[in-house]
Amino acid sequence: MKKSILTALAFTLLVSPFAGITEASAQSRPEIRRELREDRREVREGRRELQRDRRELQRDRRELRRDRREARRPAWLRNGGRYERGGAYVSDYRRYGLRAPGRGQRWVRYGNDYILITAATGLIGAIIAGSR
């Protein structure tokens, strides 16, 4: 009697892990598909969020570069501003790839930029960024 009880108990202990597998596989196909759709949706949302974060990072970097550029330039150095001393006159403008200045205008090199100014008033007409 003891042997038959022990045998039955051992059999149930051996078979019980396999019974769980059949219960898991008994999960309906619609439930499995629903879970799969939800997982895919979460992955898509994660990708979209990553793309938004990357775009935001690019915008922040662009703004930072623009702010740094503007911080290096004096406030007067813009179209319509008035030229203040500090640059060297450029007489051979073709050498630097600049167009011929109009009557009463001159090219001035200020740092790495070329500025087209009106000689009489110092009004800035154009600013060309230098290549080096």
C-alpha atoms as a PDB file:
ATOM      1  CA  MET A   1       0.000   0.000   0.000  1.00  0.00           C
ATOM      2  CA  LYS A   2       2.817   2.381   0.916  1.00  0.00           C
ATOM      3  CA  LYS A   3       4.546   1.628  -2.340  1.00  0.00           C
ATOM      4  CA  SER A   4       1.485   2.405  -4.427  1.00  0.00           C
ATOM      5  CA  ILE A   5       0.886   5.694  -2.574  1.00  0.00           C
ATOM      6  CA  LEU A   6       4.540   6.711  -2.950  1.00  0.00           C
ATOM      7  CA  THR A   7       4.477   5.751  -6.613  1.00  0.00           C
ATOM      8  CA  ALA A   8       1.324   7.802  -7.228  1.00  0.00           C
ATOM      9  CA  LEU A   9       2.826  10.758  -5.361  1.00  0.00           C
ATOM     10  CA  ALA A  10       6.089  10.536  -7.323  1.00  0.00           C
ATOM     11  CA  PHE A  11       4.141  10.291 -10.569  1.00  0.00           C
ATOM     12  CA  THR A  12       2.123  13.409  -9.791  1.00  0.00           C
ATOM     13  CA  LEU A  13       5.281  15.322  -8.869  1.00  0.00           C
ATOM     14  CA  LEU A  14       6.919  14.330 -12.140  1.00  0.00           C
ATOM     15  CA  VAL A  15       3.898  15.082 -14.289  1.00  0.00           C
ATOM     16  CA  SER A  16       2.858  18.378 -12.639  1.00  0.00           C
ATOM     17  CA  PRO A  17       5.483  20.582 -14.427  1.00  0.00           C
ATOM     18  CA  PHE A  18       4.244  19.305 -17.766  1.00  0.00           C
ATOM     19  CA  ALA A  19       0.659  20.088 -16.809  1.00  0.00           C
ATOM     20  CA  GLY A  20       1.618  23.792 -16.550  1.00  0.00           C
ATOM     21  CA  ILE A  21       2.893  23.729 -20.108  1.00  0.00           C
ATOM     22  CA  THR A  22      -0.396  22.483 -21.409  1.00  0.00           C
ATOM     23  CA  GLU A  23      -2.223  25.193 -19.453  1.00  0.00           C
ATOM     24  CA  ALA A  24       0.039  27.895 -20.941  1.00  0.00           C
ATOM     25  CA  SER A  25      -0.400  26.502 -24.429  1.00  0.00           C
ATOM     26  CA  ALA A  26      -4.128  26.427 -23.801  1.00  0.00           C
ATOM     27  CA  GLN A  27      -4.049  30.250 -23.752  1.00  0.00           C
ATOM     28  CA  SER A  28      -6.301  31.342 -26.574  1.00  0.00           C
ATOM     29  CA  ARG A  29      -4.806  32.596 -29.792  1.00  0.00           C
ATOM     30  CA  PRO A  30      -6.658  35.922 -29.634  1.00  0.00           C
ATOM     31  CA  GLU A  31      -5.079  36.616 -26.249  1.00  0.00           C
ATOM     32  CA  ILE A  32      -1.611  35.840 -27.603  1.00  0.00           C
ATOM     33  CA  ARG A  33      -2.221  38.088 -30.616  1.00  0.00           C
ATOM     34  CA  ARG A  34      -3.502  40.890 -28.386  1.00  0.00           C
ATOM     35  CA  GLU A  35      -0.404  40.704 -26.205  1.00  0.00           C
ATOM     36  CA  LEU A  36       1.795  40.692 -29.288  1.00  0.00           C
ATOM     37  CA  ARG A  37       0.014  43.791 -30.664  1.00  0.00           C
ATOM     38  CA  GLU A  38       0.461  45.555 -27.336  1.00  0.00           C
ATOM     39  CA  ASP A  39       4.173  44.720 -27.298  1.00  0.00           C
ATOM     40  CA  ARG A  40       4.592  46.014 -30.851  1.00  0.00           C
ATOM     41  CA  ARG A  41       2.692  49.196 -29.967  1.00  0.00           C
ATOM     42  CA  GLU A  42       5.018  49.783 -27.018  1.00  0.00           C
ATOM     43  CA  VAL A  43       8.055  49.331 -29.264  1.00  0.00           C
ATOM     44  CA  ARG A  44       6.647  51.823 -31.806  1.00  0.00           C
ATOM     45  CA  GLU A  45       5.931  54.354 -29.078  1.00  0.00           C
ATOM     46  CA  GLY A  46       9.468  53.924 -27.750  1.00  0.00           C
ATOM     47  CA  ARG A  47      10.909  54.557 -31.208  1.00  0.00           C
ATOM     48  CA  ARG A  48       8.775  57.663 -31.687  1.00  0.00           C
ATOM     49  CA  GLU A  49       9.857  58.997 -28.329  1.00  0.00           C
ATOM     50  CA  LEU A  50      13.487  58.358 -29.249  1.00  0.00           C
ATOM     51  CA  GLN A  51      13.038  60.244 -32.536  1.00  0.00           C
ATOM     52  CA  ARG A  52      11.426  63.180 -30.723  1.00  0.00           C
ATOM     53  CA  ASP A  53      14.297  63.259 -28.246  1.00  0.00           C
ATOM     54  CA  ARG A  54      16.853  63.215 -31.068  1.00  0.00           C
ATOM     55  CA  ARG A  55      15.092  66.076 -32.877  1.00  0.00           C
ATOM     56  CA  GLU A  56      14.971  68.076 -29.675  1.00  0.00           C
ATOM     57  CA  LEU A  57      18.676  67.437 -29.098  1.00  0.00           C
ATOM     58  CA  GLN A  58      19.477  68.590 -32.641  1.00  0.00           C
ATOM     59  CA  ARG A  59      17.440  71.780 -32.127  1.00  0.00           C
ATOM     60  CA  ASP A  60      19.211  72.449 -28.834  1.00  0.00           C
ATOM     61  CA  ARG A  61      22.620  71.951 -30.425  1.00  0.00           C
ATOM     62  CA  ARG A  62      21.673  74.229 -33.334  1.00  0.00           C
ATOM     63  CA  GLU A  63      20.548  76.948 -30.943  1.00  0.00           C
ATOM     64  CA  LEU A  64      23.722  76.572 -28.907  1.00  0.00           C
ATOM     65  CA  ARG A  65      25.901  76.953 -32.013  1.00  0.00           C
ATOM     66  CA  ARG A  66      23.908  80.024 -33.100  1.00  0.00           C
ATOM     67  CA  ASP A  67      24.194  81.555 -29.634  1.00  0.00           C
ATOM     68  CA  ARG A  68      27.938  80.954 -29.575  1.00  0.00           C
ATOM     69  CA  ARG A  69      28.324  82.552 -33.011  1.00  0.00           C
ATOM     70  CA  GLU A  70      26.326  85.564 -31.973  1.00  0.00           C
ATOM     71  CA  ALA A  71      28.253  85.902 -28.726  1.00  0.00           C
ATOM     72  CA  ARG A  72      31.545  86.095 -30.632  1.00  0.00           C
ATOM     73  CA  ARG A  73      30.321  88.868 -32.945  1.00  0.00           C
ATOM     74  CA  PRO A  74      30.063  92.435 -31.746  1.00  0.00           C
ATOM     75  CA  ALA A  75      26.549  93.864 -31.620  1.00  0.00           C
ATOM     76  CA  TRP A  76      27.220  96.385 -34.412  1.00  0.00           C
ATOM     77  CA  LEU A  77      28.337  93.671 -36.835  1.00  0.00           C
ATOM     78  CA  ARG A  78      25.083  93.097 -38.728  1.00  0.00           C
ATOM     79  CA  ASN A  79      23.509  94.319 -41.950  1.00  0.00           C
ATOM     80  CA  GLY A  80      22.449  97.905 -41.491  1.00  0.00           C
ATOM     81  CA  GLY A  81      24.831  98.442 -38.596  1.00  0.00           C
ATOM     82  CA  ARG A  82      27.639 100.968 -38.565  1.00  0.00           C
ATOM     83  CA  TYR A  83      31.192  99.836 -39.083  1.00  0.00           C
ATOM     84  CA  GLU A  84      33.574 100.556 -36.233  1.00  0.00           C
ATOM     85  CA  ARG A  85      37.309 100.348 -36.561  1.00  0.00           C
ATOM     86  CA  GLY A  86      39.040  97.060 -36.215  1.00  0.00           C
ATOM     87  CA  GLY A  87      39.510  95.517 -39.637  1.00  0.00           C
ATOM     88  CA  ALA A  88      41.849  95.759 -42.574  1.00  0.00           C
ATOM     89  CA  TYR A  89      40.807  97.108 -45.973  1.00  0.00           C
ATOM     90  CA  VAL A  90      40.753  94.479 -48.751  1.00  0.00           C
ATOM     91  CA  SER A  91      41.990  95.859 -52.053  1.00  0.00           C
ATOM     92  CA  ASP A  92      42.303  92.549 -53.952  1.00  0.00           C
ATOM     93  CA  TYR A  93      38.722  91.372 -53.408  1.00  0.00           C
ATOM     94  CA  ARG A  94      38.846  88.903 -56.348  1.00  0.00           C
ATOM     95  CA  ARG A  95      41.528  86.925 -54.571  1.00  0.00           C
ATOM     96  CA  TYR A  96      39.029  86.190 -51.795  1.00  0.00           C
ATOM     97  CA  GLY A  97      36.138  85.448 -54.146  1.00  0.00           C
ATOM     98  CA  LEU A  98      34.269  88.674 -53.370  1.00  0.00           C
ATOM     99  CA  ARG A  99      32.247  90.685 -55.864  1.00  0.00           C
ATOM    100  CA  ALA A 100      33.413  94.112 -56.916  1.00  0.00           C
ATOM    101  CA  PRO A 101      32.343  96.792 -54.449  1.00  0.00           C
ATOM    102  CA  GLY A 102      29.967  99.449 -55.713  1.00  0.00           C
ATOM    103  CA  ARG A 103      30.820 103.107 -56.034  1.00  0.00           C
ATOM    104  CA  GLY A 104      31.728 104.515 -52.634  1.00  0.00           C
ATOM    105  CA  GLN A 105      31.966 101.066 -51.017  1.00  0.00           C
ATOM    106  CA  ARG A 106      34.895  99.081 -49.651  1.00  0.00           C
ATOM    107  CA  TRP A 107      35.538  95.557 -48.458  1.00  0.00           C
ATOM    108  CA  VAL A 108      36.954  95.218 -44.960  1.00  0.00           C
ATOM    109  CA  ARG A 109      38.235  92.057 -43.367  1.00  0.00           C
ATOM    110  CA  TYR A 110      37.141  91.761 -39.759  1.00  0.00           C
ATOM    111  CA  GLY A 111      38.442  88.589 -38.118  1.00  0.00           C
ATOM    112  CA  ASN A 112      37.391  85.838 -40.482  1.00  0.00           C
ATOM    113  CA  ASP A 113      34.534  87.768 -42.085  1.00  0.00           C
ATOM    114  CA  TYR A 114      34.436  90.205 -44.994  1.00  0.00           C
ATOM    115  CA  ILE A 115      32.274  93.280 -44.578  1.00  0.00           C
ATOM    116  CA  LEU A 116      31.079  95.519 -47.406  1.00  0.00           C
ATOM    117  CA  ILE A 117      30.803  99.057 -46.045  1.00  0.00           C
ATOM    118  CA  THR A 118      29.911 102.446 -47.398  1.00  0.00           C
ATOM    119  CA  ALA A 119      33.115 104.438 -47.150  1.00  0.00           C
ATOM    120  CA  ALA A 120      31.498 107.767 -46.269  1.00  0.00           C
ATOM    121  CA  THR A 121      29.034 106.641 -43.594  1.00  0.00           C
ATOM    122  CA  GLY A 122      30.364 103.266 -42.440  1.00  0.00           C
ATOM    123  CA  LEU A 123      27.000 101.599 -43.080  1.00  0.00           C
ATOM    124  CA  ILE A 124      27.317  97.822 -43.450  1.00  0.00           C
ATOM    125  CA  GLY A 125      25.835  96.505 -46.683  1.00  0.00           C
ATOM    126  CA  ALA A 126      26.850  92.852 -46.585  1.00  0.00           C
ATOM    127  CA  ILE A 127      28.708  90.381 -44.408  1.00  0.00           C
ATOM    128  CA  ILE A 128      30.412  87.344 -45.951  1.00  0.00           C
ATOM    129  CA  ALA A 129      31.674  84.583 -43.658  1.00  0.00           C
ATOM    130  CA  GLY A 130      35.270  83.619 -44.329  1.00  0.00           C
ATOM    131  CA  SER A 131      36.206  80.018 -45.128  1.00  0.00           C
ATOM    132  CA  ARG A 132      39.099  79.841 -42.693  1.00  0.00           C
END
